[in-house]
Protein backbone atom coordinates (compact mmCIF):
# COMPACT_ATOMS: atom_id res chain seq x y z
CA UNK A 1 -42.47 7.97 21.56
CA UNK A 2 -44.46 7.73 18.94
CA UNK A 3 -43.81 7.41 15.26
CA UNK A 4 -46.36 10.39 14.45
CA UNK A 5 -44.11 12.98 16.35
CA UNK A 6 -40.99 11.65 14.70
CA UNK A 7 -39.14 11.33 18.34
CA UNK A 8 -36.27 9.09 19.03
CA UNK A 9 -36.94 6.38 21.85
CA UNK A 10 -35.86 3.29 22.53
CA UNK A 11 -36.47 0.52 20.52
CA UNK A 12 -35.11 -2.93 21.17
CA UNK A 13 -35.51 -3.87 17.51
CA UNK A 14 -33.42 -0.88 16.73
CA UNK A 15 -30.62 -2.04 19.65
CA UNK A 16 -30.58 -5.57 17.89
CA UNK A 17 -30.46 -4.30 14.59
CA UNK A 18 -27.42 -2.34 15.28
CA UNK A 19 -25.72 -4.87 17.25
CA UNK A 20 -26.36 -7.03 14.13
CA UNK A 21 -24.54 -4.44 11.79
CA UNK A 22 -21.58 -3.78 14.32
CA UNK A 23 -20.83 -7.84 14.64
CA UNK A 24 -21.30 -8.03 10.59
CA UNK A 25 -19.16 -5.38 10.31
CA UNK A 26 -16.35 -6.58 12.53
CA UNK A 27 -16.60 -10.24 10.99
CA UNK A 28 -16.69 -9.50 7.15
CA UNK A 29 -14.81 -6.05 7.70
CA UNK A 30 -12.36 -7.16 4.69
CA UNK A 31 -15.07 -8.36 2.79
CA UNK A 32 -17.32 -5.23 2.90
CA UNK A 33 -14.39 -3.02 2.24
CA UNK A 34 -15.38 -2.83 -1.76
CA UNK A 35 -18.92 -2.29 -0.72
CA UNK A 36 -17.78 0.50 1.40
CA UNK A 37 -15.90 2.44 -1.06
CA UNK A 38 -18.29 1.80 -3.83
CA UNK A 39 -21.10 3.29 -1.86
CA UNK A 40 -18.82 6.21 -0.92
CA UNK A 41 -17.81 7.00 -4.44
CA UNK A 42 -21.70 6.42 -5.48
CA UNK A 43 -22.60 8.77 -2.50
CA UNK A 44 -20.32 11.55 -3.75
CA UNK A 45 -21.68 11.38 -7.40
CA UNK A 46 -25.30 11.29 -6.80
CA UNK A 47 -25.53 15.35 -6.90
CA UNK A 48 -23.42 15.29 -10.24
CA UNK A 49 -25.56 12.15 -11.58
CA UNK A 50 -29.15 14.23 -10.40
CA UNK A 51 -28.17 17.72 -11.60
CA UNK A 52 -27.17 16.03 -14.84
CA UNK A 53 -30.44 14.20 -15.18
CA UNK A 54 -32.42 16.97 -14.54
CA UNK A 55 -30.24 19.57 -16.87
CA UNK A 56 -30.42 16.83 -19.85
CA UNK A 57 -33.40 15.05 -19.40
CA UNK A 58 -31.77 11.87 -20.21
CA UNK A 59 -32.74 8.47 -18.29
CA UNK A 60 -30.95 8.45 -14.81
CA UNK A 61 -29.24 5.27 -15.86
CA UNK A 62 -28.05 6.38 -18.67
CA UNK A 63 -26.75 9.34 -17.11
CA UNK A 64 -25.19 7.33 -14.06
CA UNK A 65 -23.46 5.37 -16.35
CA UNK A 66 -21.91 8.25 -18.30
CA UNK A 67 -20.34 9.21 -15.04
CA UNK A 68 -18.81 6.01 -14.03
CA UNK A 69 -17.24 5.69 -17.71
CA UNK A 70 -15.68 9.12 -17.15
CA UNK A 71 -14.31 8.23 -13.58
CA UNK A 72 -13.50 4.88 -14.59
CA UNK A 73 -11.54 6.20 -17.67
CA UNK A 74 -9.74 8.72 -15.09
CA UNK A 75 -9.18 6.15 -12.63
CA UNK A 76 -7.65 3.42 -15.06
CA UNK A 77 -5.33 5.99 -16.81
CA UNK A 78 -4.03 7.05 -13.28
CA UNK A 79 -3.52 3.19 -12.31
CA UNK A 80 -1.67 2.35 -15.69
CA UNK A 81 0.61 5.34 -15.23
CA UNK A 82 1.13 4.50 -11.70
CA UNK A 83 1.59 0.70 -12.35
CA UNK A 84 3.87 1.25 -14.94
CA UNK A 85 6.28 3.42 -13.07
CA UNK A 86 6.12 1.40 -9.77
CA UNK A 87 6.58 -1.91 -11.89
CA UNK A 88 9.80 -0.16 -13.50
CA UNK A 89 10.93 1.13 -10.20
CA UNK A 90 10.36 -2.44 -8.79
CA UNK A 91 12.19 -4.39 -11.63
CA UNK A 92 15.15 -2.01 -11.77
CA UNK A 93 15.58 -2.59 -8.07
CA UNK A 94 15.32 -6.28 -8.10
CA UNK A 95 18.12 -6.33 -10.51
CA UNK A 96 20.25 -3.86 -9.12
CA UNK A 97 18.83 -3.80 -5.71
CA UNK A 98 22.29 -5.40 -3.81
CA UNK A 99 24.47 -2.84 -5.80
CA UNK A 100 22.35 0.16 -5.07
CA UNK A 101 22.20 -0.68 -1.29
CA UNK A 102 25.95 -1.28 -1.49
CA UNK A 103 27.13 2.01 -3.06
CA UNK A 104 24.38 4.04 -0.77
CA UNK A 105 26.30 2.66 2.13
CA UNK A 106 29.70 2.94 0.77
CA UNK A 107 28.65 7.01 0.33
CA UNK A 108 27.28 6.81 3.85
CA UNK A 109 29.85 5.01 5.87
CA UNK A 110 32.74 5.34 3.64
CA UNK A 111 34.95 2.70 2.02
CA UNK A 112 36.47 2.02 5.32
CA UNK A 113 33.24 2.04 7.39
CA UNK A 114 33.04 3.31 10.72
CA UNK A 115 33.32 2.53 14.11
CA UNK A 116 30.45 2.10 16.18
CA UNK A 117 30.47 1.15 19.93
CA UNK A 118 33.97 -0.56 19.25
CA UNK A 119 32.65 -2.68 16.22
CA UNK A 120 33.70 -1.52 12.83
CA UNK A 121 30.79 -1.36 10.22
CA UNK A 122 31.84 -2.32 6.50
CA UNK A 123 29.63 -1.28 3.57
CA UNK A 124 30.13 -4.46 2.00
CA UNK A 125 29.25 -6.54 5.21
CA UNK A 126 26.51 -4.64 6.05
CA UNK A 127 25.08 -4.91 2.39
CA UNK A 128 25.13 -8.88 2.48
CA UNK A 129 23.44 -8.90 5.84
CA UNK A 130 20.88 -6.95 4.39
CA UNK A 131 20.73 -9.31 1.35
CA UNK A 132 20.93 -12.36 3.44
CA UNK A 133 17.75 -10.89 5.42
CA UNK A 134 15.74 -9.67 2.50
CA UNK A 135 16.28 -13.23 1.08
CA UNK A 136 15.18 -15.37 4.12
CA UNK A 137 11.79 -13.13 3.91
CA UNK A 138 11.36 -13.76 0.44
CA UNK A 139 11.09 -17.86 1.08
CA UNK A 140 8.34 -19.39 -0.53
CA UNK A 141 5.99 -18.79 2.07
CA UNK A 142 6.15 -15.15 1.90
CA UNK A 143 5.82 -15.07 -1.80
CA UNK A 144 2.88 -17.27 -1.86
CA UNK A 145 1.13 -14.97 0.64
CA UNK A 146 2.12 -12.05 -1.30
CA UNK A 147 0.53 -13.57 -4.20
CA UNK A 148 -2.72 -14.28 -2.30
CA UNK A 149 -2.76 -10.62 -1.30
CA UNK A 150 -2.11 -9.17 -4.82
CA UNK A 151 -5.14 -11.86 -5.78
CA UNK A 152 -7.49 -10.63 -3.25
CA UNK A 153 -6.72 -7.17 -4.29
CA UNK A 154 -7.29 -7.81 -7.79
CA UNK A 155 -10.77 -9.74 -6.89
CA UNK A 156 -11.55 -6.74 -4.70
CA UNK A 157 -10.72 -3.97 -7.17
CA UNK A 158 -13.18 -5.90 -10.17
CA UNK A 159 -15.85 -6.10 -7.46
CA UNK A 160 -15.54 -2.23 -6.62
CA UNK A 161 -15.89 -1.52 -10.17
CA UNK A 162 -18.79 -3.51 -10.68
CA UNK A 163 -20.46 -2.69 -7.40
CA UNK A 164 -19.88 1.30 -8.08
CA UNK A 165 -21.33 0.94 -11.54
CA UNK A 166 -24.42 -0.28 -10.15
CA UNK A 167 -24.97 2.04 -7.16
CA UNK A 168 -24.25 4.91 -9.34
CA UNK A 169 -27.26 3.99 -11.60
CA UNK A 170 -29.65 2.89 -8.49
CA UNK A 171 -28.28 4.40 -5.22
CA UNK A 172 -31.78 5.90 -4.76
CA UNK A 173 -33.41 2.72 -4.74
CA UNK A 174 -30.69 1.20 -2.03
CA UNK A 175 -30.74 4.34 0.13
CA UNK A 176 -34.47 3.21 0.34
CA UNK A 177 -33.69 -0.14 0.99
CA UNK A 178 -31.39 0.98 3.80
CA UNK A 179 -34.19 3.12 5.13
CA UNK A 180 -36.71 0.29 5.30
CA UNK A 181 -33.99 -2.10 7.62
CA UNK A 182 -34.78 0.90 10.28
CA UNK A 183 -37.74 -0.29 12.74
CA UNK A 184 -41.05 1.34 11.38
CA UNK A 185 -41.52 2.96 15.07
CA UNK A 186 -37.91 4.84 14.12
CA UNK A 187 -38.20 5.63 10.45
CA UNK A 188 -39.94 9.31 10.60
CA UNK A 189 -37.46 10.26 13.01
CA UNK A 190 -34.59 9.00 11.01
CA UNK A 191 -35.87 10.69 7.85
CA UNK A 192 -36.01 13.92 9.57
CA UNK A 193 -32.75 13.81 10.65
CA UNK A 194 -31.22 12.07 7.36
CA UNK A 195 -30.88 15.47 5.46
CA UNK A 196 -28.78 16.49 8.35
CA UNK A 197 -26.71 13.55 8.18
CA UNK A 198 -26.58 13.32 4.45
CA UNK A 199 -24.80 17.00 4.61
CA UNK A 200 -22.33 16.23 7.15
CA UNK A 201 -21.20 12.82 5.25
CA UNK A 202 -20.95 14.89 1.99
CA UNK A 203 -18.77 17.32 3.83
CA UNK A 204 -16.49 14.81 5.41
CA UNK A 205 -16.01 12.93 2.07
CA UNK A 206 -15.11 16.19 0.46
CA UNK A 207 -12.95 16.96 3.42
CA UNK A 208 -11.06 13.91 2.53
CA UNK A 209 -10.71 14.95 -1.29
CA UNK A 210 -8.93 18.43 0.18
CA UNK A 211 -6.39 16.16 2.36
CA UNK A 212 -5.97 14.15 -0.92
CA UNK A 213 -5.22 17.75 -2.57
CA UNK A 214 -2.85 19.00 0.24
CA UNK A 215 -0.87 15.69 0.19
CA UNK A 216 -0.22 15.73 -3.53
CA UNK A 217 0.76 19.31 -3.72
CA UNK A 218 3.08 18.92 -0.67
CA UNK A 219 4.68 15.95 -2.25
CA UNK A 220 5.20 17.88 -5.16
CA UNK A 221 6.65 20.79 -3.71
CA UNK A 222 9.34 18.58 -1.47
CA UNK A 223 10.21 16.00 -4.01
CA UNK A 224 9.55 18.13 -7.49
CA UNK A 225 10.23 21.58 -6.50
CA UNK A 226 12.89 21.33 -3.41
CA UNK A 227 14.80 17.59 -4.97
CA UNK A 228 13.89 17.60 -8.41
CA UNK A 229 13.20 13.96 -8.34
CA UNK A 230 12.20 12.03 -11.62
CA UNK A 231 8.60 12.31 -12.53
CA UNK A 232 8.16 13.97 -9.32
CA UNK A 233 4.41 14.75 -10.08
CA UNK A 234 3.38 11.19 -10.76
CA UNK A 235 4.91 10.25 -7.50
CA UNK A 236 2.85 13.29 -5.95
CA UNK A 237 -0.29 12.44 -7.48
CA UNK A 238 0.37 8.59 -6.44
CA UNK A 239 0.79 9.75 -2.73
CA UNK A 240 -2.20 11.96 -2.70
CA UNK A 241 -4.80 9.11 -4.30
CA UNK A 242 -3.35 6.61 -1.87
CA UNK A 243 -4.46 8.72 0.95
CA UNK A 244 -8.13 7.42 0.01
CA UNK A 245 -7.39 4.00 1.31
CA UNK A 246 -6.97 4.36 5.31
CA UNK A 247 -4.15 2.07 6.60
CA UNK A 248 -3.11 0.47 3.54
CA UNK A 249 -2.48 3.94 1.40
CA UNK A 250 0.52 5.20 3.51
CA UNK A 251 2.04 1.77 4.17
CA UNK A 252 2.05 1.79 0.42
CA UNK A 253 3.24 5.63 0.04
CA UNK A 254 5.88 4.67 2.18
CA UNK A 255 7.30 1.82 0.30
CA UNK A 256 7.07 3.88 -2.83
CA UNK A 257 9.18 6.71 -1.55
CA UNK A 258 11.55 4.29 -0.10
CA UNK A 259 11.56 2.75 -3.50
CA UNK A 260 12.49 5.89 -5.22
CA UNK A 261 14.90 7.08 -2.86
CA UNK A 262 17.00 3.74 -2.77
CA UNK A 263 17.99 4.48 -6.60
CA UNK A 264 19.00 8.03 -6.33
CA UNK A 265 22.43 7.05 -5.37
CA UNK A 266 22.47 10.13 -2.58
CA UNK A 267 22.37 9.30 0.86
CA UNK A 268 21.46 12.89 1.58
CA UNK A 269 18.59 13.10 -0.69
CA UNK A 270 17.62 9.70 0.39
CA UNK A 271 17.73 10.78 4.19
CA UNK A 272 15.55 13.93 3.07
CA UNK A 273 12.94 12.02 1.24
CA UNK A 274 12.58 9.80 4.09
CA UNK A 275 12.46 12.51 6.55
CA UNK A 276 9.97 14.52 4.49
CA UNK A 277 7.68 11.44 4.28
CA UNK A 278 7.59 11.06 7.97
CA UNK A 279 7.16 14.67 8.54
CA UNK A 280 4.27 14.87 5.96
CA UNK A 281 2.50 11.68 7.56
CA UNK A 282 2.89 13.06 10.82
CA UNK A 283 1.60 16.52 9.80
CA UNK A 284 -1.51 15.01 7.95
CA UNK A 285 -2.48 12.45 10.96
CA UNK A 286 -2.06 14.64 13.56
CA UNK A 287 -3.03 18.31 12.05
CA UNK A 288 -4.49 18.51 8.77
CA UNK A 289 -6.45 15.27 8.81
CA UNK A 290 -8.10 15.79 12.39
CA UNK A 291 -8.49 19.70 11.79
CA UNK A 292 -10.39 19.68 8.37
CA UNK A 293 -12.43 16.52 9.06
CA UNK A 294 -13.58 17.36 12.64
CA UNK A 295 -14.43 21.01 11.36
CA UNK A 296 -16.43 19.45 8.27
CA UNK A 297 -18.54 17.30 10.78
CA UNK A 298 -18.47 19.57 13.62
CA UNK A 299 -16.30 16.68 15.65
CA UNK A 300 -13.53 17.68 18.24
CA UNK A 301 -10.15 16.71 16.57
CA UNK A 302 -9.92 14.45 20.13
CA UNK A 303 -12.99 12.83 18.95
CA UNK A 304 -12.03 12.33 15.19
CA UNK A 305 -8.76 10.34 16.55
CA UNK A 306 -10.40 8.60 18.89
CA UNK A 307 -13.10 7.16 16.10
CA UNK A 308 -10.34 6.36 13.87
CA UNK A 309 -8.34 4.28 17.02
CA UNK A 310 -11.59 2.65 17.59
CA UNK A 311 -12.75 2.09 13.95
CA UNK A 312 -9.33 0.56 12.95
CA UNK A 313 -9.31 -2.02 15.90
CA UNK A 314 -13.15 -2.73 15.59
CA UNK A 315 -13.67 -3.00 11.77
CA UNK A 316 -10.32 -2.60 10.36
CA UNK A 317 -10.12 -0.62 7.05
CA UNK A 318 -13.71 -0.56 6.74
CA UNK A 319 -14.08 0.86 10.14
CA UNK A 320 -11.61 3.78 9.19
CA UNK A 321 -13.43 4.65 6.14
CA UNK A 322 -16.58 4.70 8.45
CA UNK A 323 -15.28 6.02 11.82
CA UNK A 324 -15.68 9.83 11.79
CA UNK A 325 -19.14 9.65 9.84
CA UNK A 326 -20.78 7.27 12.07
CA UNK A 327 -19.38 9.63 15.13
CA UNK A 328 -20.79 12.72 13.56
CA UNK A 329 -24.11 10.63 12.88
CA UNK A 330 -24.24 9.34 16.49
CA UNK A 331 -23.69 13.06 18.10
CA UNK A 332 -26.70 13.94 15.47
CA UNK A 333 -28.79 11.16 17.02
CA UNK A 334 -28.28 12.08 20.74
CA UNK A 335 -28.80 15.61 20.19
CA UNK A 336 -32.05 14.76 18.95
CA UNK A 337 -32.70 11.93 21.90
CA UNK A 338 -31.66 14.09 24.43
CA UNK A 339 -33.02 17.35 23.05
CA UNK A 340 -29.92 19.56 23.85
CA UNK A 341 -26.31 19.82 22.58
CA UNK A 342 -23.10 18.93 24.74
CA UNK A 343 -22.60 22.63 25.51
CA UNK A 344 -26.02 22.70 26.75
CA UNK A 345 -25.22 20.26 29.14
CA UNK A 346 -22.37 22.28 30.84
């Protein structure tokens, strides 16, 4: 398989490079997360930066900096609005949490409690048990671990902002540097398939944005239109944006919904909010995401779910971000190597 024909063949150096990359992703999955997210943002903004550069005639670096500043302003505005809302909710919950829990239990169980399997559950006793368990969970060790996680998240956000800025300015140079890693005997073959891979990657991440929009609209309909929850639009926007962060985003979304629900003093509304959140999570994970992402990358939904599972187990959050694009690019690579498609093999 010669380089002049641009064909894909076995090259032990390429195999070694892939193995090294896989091991690095596995060992450094959390460290590489800001780099991965910054690369995705720069990749999605590349067509915008290129179009504005051609249209305005300005230097690419200046245009890239302007696009980054616009995105930073929007992101910072959303983060401040969400942060103020969440801090306010958490502070109110910290001050009045026990009373809220007890009032909710009284409404749910009644002032005299309920009989369950021969044991009478009194709301005051259940509230004391919950308070004791929460207090035990918030010991110094837990608080220290939480503080470390918050500090690490802050460092990651700062690193992400800096990386996305530099990648926005010099994304093409970084792309050429990544292509240089490919063994020379395979570069022509990779270049030949690169446009197809880039198109699939762009469709995939646009599909992620569609899921974000779907989540925000569905959350607004459920919590704003149906329940009239205060600040429902901000809550829906927050839940939608958190969909861009695999694994961590859904967990934070569930915590936010639980905090908001607990402050409503209505067990029926609380139960509906929690049930709606669980149902929306199942719909997104099992129906919407596999269908949209699978169609955008021409990969079967079963393969999408398998890719997510393997990516999460092997490489954590970074694996979740790269799982489906890696599966799609692997399909393209195998089709080029084998000279046929899965349909042709049947």
